[in-house]
């Protein structure tokens, strides 16, 4: 997956995750970073738990869903560690 694909999927997943988790958002760069890290987490979980080896593989609905789930998990973990409640 190319760098542009990672940026687009990361932006979409990070934006959606910040809305679902009722956060104020982290801005454009923050949402992209959350989405990209979420894609890595979601891809790892999909490969490990669901035996889907290449879940994030371009700009498509499956990649966005996997990255979104990973981003939600990331935001949840960050709030758990920081103790911030909303």
N, C-alpha and C. Protein backbone atom coordinates (compact mmCIF):
# COMPACT_ATOMS: atom_id res chain seq x y z
N UNK A 1 0.86 -1.17 0.00
CA UNK A 1 0.00 0.00 0.00
C UNK A 1 0.91 1.23 0.00
N UNK A 2 0.62 2.17 -0.87
CA UNK A 2 1.44 3.36 -1.01
C UNK A 2 1.19 4.38 0.09
N UNK A 3 2.07 5.34 0.16
CA UNK A 3 1.99 6.37 1.21
C UNK A 3 0.70 7.17 1.10
N UNK A 4 0.25 7.44 -0.13
CA UNK A 4 -1.00 8.18 -0.30
C UNK A 4 -2.19 7.38 0.23
N UNK A 5 -2.18 6.08 0.00
CA UNK A 5 -3.25 5.23 0.52
C UNK A 5 -3.27 5.23 2.03
N UNK A 6 -2.07 5.14 2.65
CA UNK A 6 -2.00 5.17 4.11
C UNK A 6 -2.55 6.49 4.65
N UNK A 7 -2.22 7.59 3.98
CA UNK A 7 -2.69 8.90 4.44
C UNK A 7 -4.21 9.03 4.33
N UNK A 8 -4.76 8.59 3.21
CA UNK A 8 -6.21 8.70 3.01
C UNK A 8 -6.97 7.80 3.97
N UNK A 9 -6.56 6.54 4.07
CA UNK A 9 -7.22 5.61 4.99
C UNK A 9 -7.05 6.09 6.43
N UNK A 10 -5.85 6.56 6.77
CA UNK A 10 -5.60 7.07 8.11
C UNK A 10 -6.46 8.28 8.45
N UNK A 11 -6.62 9.18 7.50
CA UNK A 11 -7.44 10.36 7.74
C UNK A 11 -8.90 9.98 7.96
N UNK A 12 -9.42 9.12 7.11
CA UNK A 12 -10.83 8.72 7.24
C UNK A 12 -11.05 7.97 8.55
N UNK A 13 -10.21 6.98 8.83
CA UNK A 13 -10.38 6.18 10.05
C UNK A 13 -10.18 7.02 11.31
N UNK A 14 -9.17 7.88 11.32
CA UNK A 14 -8.91 8.72 12.49
C UNK A 14 -10.04 9.71 12.74
N UNK A 15 -10.56 10.30 11.67
CA UNK A 15 -11.67 11.24 11.81
C UNK A 15 -12.91 10.54 12.37
N UNK A 16 -13.26 9.38 11.78
CA UNK A 16 -14.44 8.65 12.24
C UNK A 16 -14.27 8.17 13.68
N UNK A 17 -13.09 7.68 14.02
CA UNK A 17 -12.85 7.20 15.38
C UNK A 17 -12.95 8.34 16.40
N UNK A 18 -12.43 9.51 16.05
CA UNK A 18 -12.52 10.63 16.99
C UNK A 18 -13.96 11.07 17.19
N UNK A 19 -14.78 10.93 16.16
CA UNK A 19 -16.20 11.28 16.30
C UNK A 19 -16.94 10.25 17.14
N UNK A 20 -16.66 8.98 16.92
CA UNK A 20 -17.32 7.91 17.66
C UNK A 20 -16.93 7.94 19.14
N UNK A 21 -15.66 8.22 19.39
CA UNK A 21 -15.19 8.27 20.77
C UNK A 21 -15.49 9.61 21.43
N UNK A 22 -16.21 10.45 20.77
CA UNK A 22 -16.64 11.76 21.27
C UNK A 22 -15.47 12.64 21.69
N UNK A 23 -14.45 12.61 20.87
CA UNK A 23 -13.31 13.47 21.13
C UNK A 23 -13.43 14.73 20.31
N UNK A 24 -12.69 15.71 20.64
CA UNK A 24 -12.70 16.95 19.88
C UNK A 24 -11.93 16.83 18.59
N UNK A 25 -11.31 15.69 18.38
CA UNK A 25 -10.46 15.53 17.21
C UNK A 25 -9.08 16.08 17.51
N UNK A 26 -8.15 15.66 16.73
CA UNK A 26 -6.78 16.08 16.95
C UNK A 26 -6.27 16.93 15.80
N UNK A 27 -7.14 17.38 14.96
CA UNK A 27 -6.73 18.11 13.78
C UNK A 27 -6.37 17.14 12.66
N UNK A 28 -6.01 17.68 11.55
CA UNK A 28 -5.74 16.87 10.36
C UNK A 28 -4.59 15.90 10.58
N UNK A 29 -3.46 16.39 11.05
CA UNK A 29 -2.29 15.55 11.25
C UNK A 29 -2.54 14.52 12.35
N UNK A 30 -3.15 14.94 13.43
CA UNK A 30 -3.44 14.02 14.54
C UNK A 30 -4.37 12.90 14.13
N UNK A 31 -5.42 13.23 13.36
CA UNK A 31 -6.34 12.21 12.89
C UNK A 31 -5.65 11.23 11.94
N UNK A 32 -4.77 11.72 11.10
CA UNK A 32 -4.03 10.85 10.19
C UNK A 32 -3.14 9.89 10.99
N UNK A 33 -2.45 10.42 12.00
CA UNK A 33 -1.57 9.57 12.82
C UNK A 33 -2.39 8.53 13.58
N UNK A 34 -3.50 8.94 14.17
CA UNK A 34 -4.35 7.99 14.89
C UNK A 34 -4.87 6.92 13.92
N UNK A 35 -5.26 7.32 12.73
CA UNK A 35 -5.76 6.37 11.75
C UNK A 35 -4.70 5.41 11.26
N UNK A 36 -3.48 5.89 11.03
CA UNK A 36 -2.40 5.02 10.57
C UNK A 36 -2.00 4.03 11.65
N UNK A 37 -1.86 4.50 12.88
CA UNK A 37 -1.54 3.59 13.99
C UNK A 37 -2.70 2.63 14.20
N UNK A 38 -3.94 3.12 14.04
CA UNK A 38 -5.11 2.26 14.13
C UNK A 38 -5.11 1.19 13.04
N UNK A 39 -4.65 1.54 11.85
CA UNK A 39 -4.56 0.55 10.77
C UNK A 39 -3.55 -0.53 11.12
N UNK A 40 -2.45 -0.14 11.74
CA UNK A 40 -1.46 -1.13 12.16
C UNK A 40 -2.02 -2.05 13.24
N UNK A 41 -2.71 -1.47 14.22
CA UNK A 41 -3.32 -2.27 15.28
C UNK A 41 -4.41 -3.16 14.72
N UNK A 42 -5.29 -2.59 13.91
CA UNK A 42 -6.38 -3.37 13.32
C UNK A 42 -5.87 -4.47 12.39
N UNK A 43 -4.84 -4.17 11.61
CA UNK A 43 -4.26 -5.18 10.74
C UNK A 43 -3.64 -6.32 11.52
N UNK A 44 -2.95 -5.99 12.61
CA UNK A 44 -2.37 -7.02 13.47
C UNK A 44 -3.46 -7.90 14.07
N UNK A 45 -4.52 -7.27 14.59
CA UNK A 45 -5.61 -8.03 15.20
C UNK A 45 -6.35 -8.88 14.18
N UNK A 46 -6.55 -8.35 12.98
CA UNK A 46 -7.23 -9.11 11.93
C UNK A 46 -6.40 -10.32 11.52
N UNK A 47 -5.08 -10.15 11.44
CA UNK A 47 -4.21 -11.26 11.07
C UNK A 47 -4.13 -12.30 12.19
N UNK A 48 -4.09 -11.83 13.42
CA UNK A 48 -3.93 -12.73 14.55
C UNK A 48 -5.23 -13.44 14.92
N UNK A 49 -6.30 -12.68 15.07
CA UNK A 49 -7.55 -13.25 15.56
C UNK A 49 -8.45 -13.82 14.46
N UNK A 50 -8.49 -13.16 13.30
CA UNK A 50 -9.41 -13.57 12.24
C UNK A 50 -8.72 -14.28 11.09
N UNK A 51 -7.40 -14.43 11.18
CA UNK A 51 -6.61 -15.10 10.15
C UNK A 51 -6.78 -14.44 8.78
N UNK A 52 -6.82 -13.12 8.76
CA UNK A 52 -6.87 -12.35 7.52
C UNK A 52 -5.50 -11.70 7.38
N UNK A 53 -4.62 -12.25 6.53
CA UNK A 53 -3.24 -11.79 6.51
C UNK A 53 -3.03 -10.38 5.95
N UNK A 54 -3.85 -9.92 5.05
CA UNK A 54 -3.63 -8.62 4.41
C UNK A 54 -4.92 -7.79 4.46
N UNK A 55 -5.35 -7.44 5.68
CA UNK A 55 -6.65 -6.78 5.85
C UNK A 55 -6.62 -5.33 5.39
N UNK A 56 -5.49 -4.66 5.53
CA UNK A 56 -5.37 -3.27 5.10
C UNK A 56 -4.50 -3.28 3.84
N UNK A 57 -5.14 -3.13 2.67
CA UNK A 57 -4.41 -3.31 1.43
C UNK A 57 -4.75 -2.28 0.36
N UNK A 58 -5.19 -1.13 0.73
CA UNK A 58 -5.49 -0.09 -0.24
C UNK A 58 -6.64 0.77 0.25
N UNK A 59 -7.14 1.61 -0.62
CA UNK A 59 -8.27 2.46 -0.25
C UNK A 59 -9.54 1.71 -0.62
N UNK A 60 -10.08 0.99 0.35
CA UNK A 60 -11.33 0.27 0.16
C UNK A 60 -12.05 0.18 1.50
N UNK A 61 -13.27 -0.29 1.47
CA UNK A 61 -14.10 -0.31 2.68
C UNK A 61 -13.52 -1.21 3.76
N UNK A 62 -12.98 -2.35 3.37
CA UNK A 62 -12.39 -3.27 4.35
C UNK A 62 -11.23 -2.62 5.08
N UNK A 63 -10.36 -1.96 4.36
CA UNK A 63 -9.22 -1.29 4.97
C UNK A 63 -9.66 -0.19 5.92
N UNK A 64 -10.67 0.57 5.51
CA UNK A 64 -11.17 1.66 6.36
C UNK A 64 -11.80 1.11 7.63
N UNK A 65 -12.56 0.02 7.52
CA UNK A 65 -13.19 -0.58 8.70
C UNK A 65 -12.14 -1.13 9.66
N UNK A 66 -11.14 -1.83 9.14
CA UNK A 66 -10.08 -2.39 9.98
C UNK A 66 -9.31 -1.26 10.66
N UNK A 67 -8.96 -0.22 9.92
CA UNK A 67 -8.25 0.92 10.49
C UNK A 67 -9.11 1.65 11.51
N UNK A 68 -10.40 1.78 11.25
CA UNK A 68 -11.33 2.44 12.17
C UNK A 68 -11.39 1.68 13.50
N UNK A 69 -11.53 0.36 13.43
CA UNK A 69 -11.60 -0.45 14.65
C UNK A 69 -10.30 -0.31 15.44
N UNK A 70 -9.18 -0.36 14.75
CA UNK A 70 -7.89 -0.18 15.42
C UNK A 70 -7.75 1.20 16.03
N UNK A 71 -8.24 2.23 15.34
CA UNK A 71 -8.16 3.60 15.86
C UNK A 71 -9.04 3.77 17.09
N UNK A 72 -10.21 3.15 17.11
CA UNK A 72 -11.08 3.22 18.28
C UNK A 72 -10.40 2.53 19.47
N UNK A 73 -9.77 1.39 19.22
CA UNK A 73 -9.04 0.69 20.28
C UNK A 73 -7.90 1.56 20.80
N UNK A 74 -7.18 2.20 19.88
CA UNK A 74 -6.07 3.08 20.27
C UNK A 74 -6.57 4.24 21.13
N UNK A 75 -7.63 4.92 20.71
CA UNK A 75 -8.15 6.04 21.49
C UNK A 75 -8.66 5.57 22.85
N UNK A 76 -9.28 4.41 22.90
CA UNK A 76 -9.76 3.86 24.17
C UNK A 76 -8.59 3.60 25.10
N UNK A 77 -7.52 2.98 24.56
CA UNK A 77 -6.35 2.71 25.38
C UNK A 77 -5.68 4.00 25.86
N UNK A 78 -5.60 5.00 24.99
CA UNK A 78 -5.00 6.27 25.39
C UNK A 78 -5.80 6.95 26.49
N UNK A 79 -7.10 6.88 26.41
CA UNK A 79 -7.93 7.46 27.48
C UNK A 79 -7.83 6.66 28.76
N UNK A 80 -7.69 5.36 28.63
CA UNK A 80 -7.54 4.50 29.82
C UNK A 80 -6.24 4.82 30.54
N UNK A 81 -5.17 5.01 29.79
CA UNK A 81 -3.86 5.30 30.37
C UNK A 81 -3.81 6.71 30.95
N UNK A 82 -4.37 7.68 30.22
CA UNK A 82 -4.30 9.06 30.69
C UNK A 82 -5.31 9.38 31.76
N UNK A 83 -6.35 8.56 31.90
CA UNK A 83 -7.36 8.80 32.91
C UNK A 83 -8.36 9.88 32.53
N UNK A 84 -8.34 10.29 31.27
CA UNK A 84 -9.25 11.35 30.82
C UNK A 84 -10.61 10.76 30.48
N UNK A 85 -11.65 11.33 31.00
CA UNK A 85 -13.01 10.85 30.76
C UNK A 85 -13.80 11.94 30.05
N UNK A 86 -14.69 11.51 29.15
CA UNK A 86 -15.57 12.47 28.49
C UNK A 86 -16.95 11.93 28.47
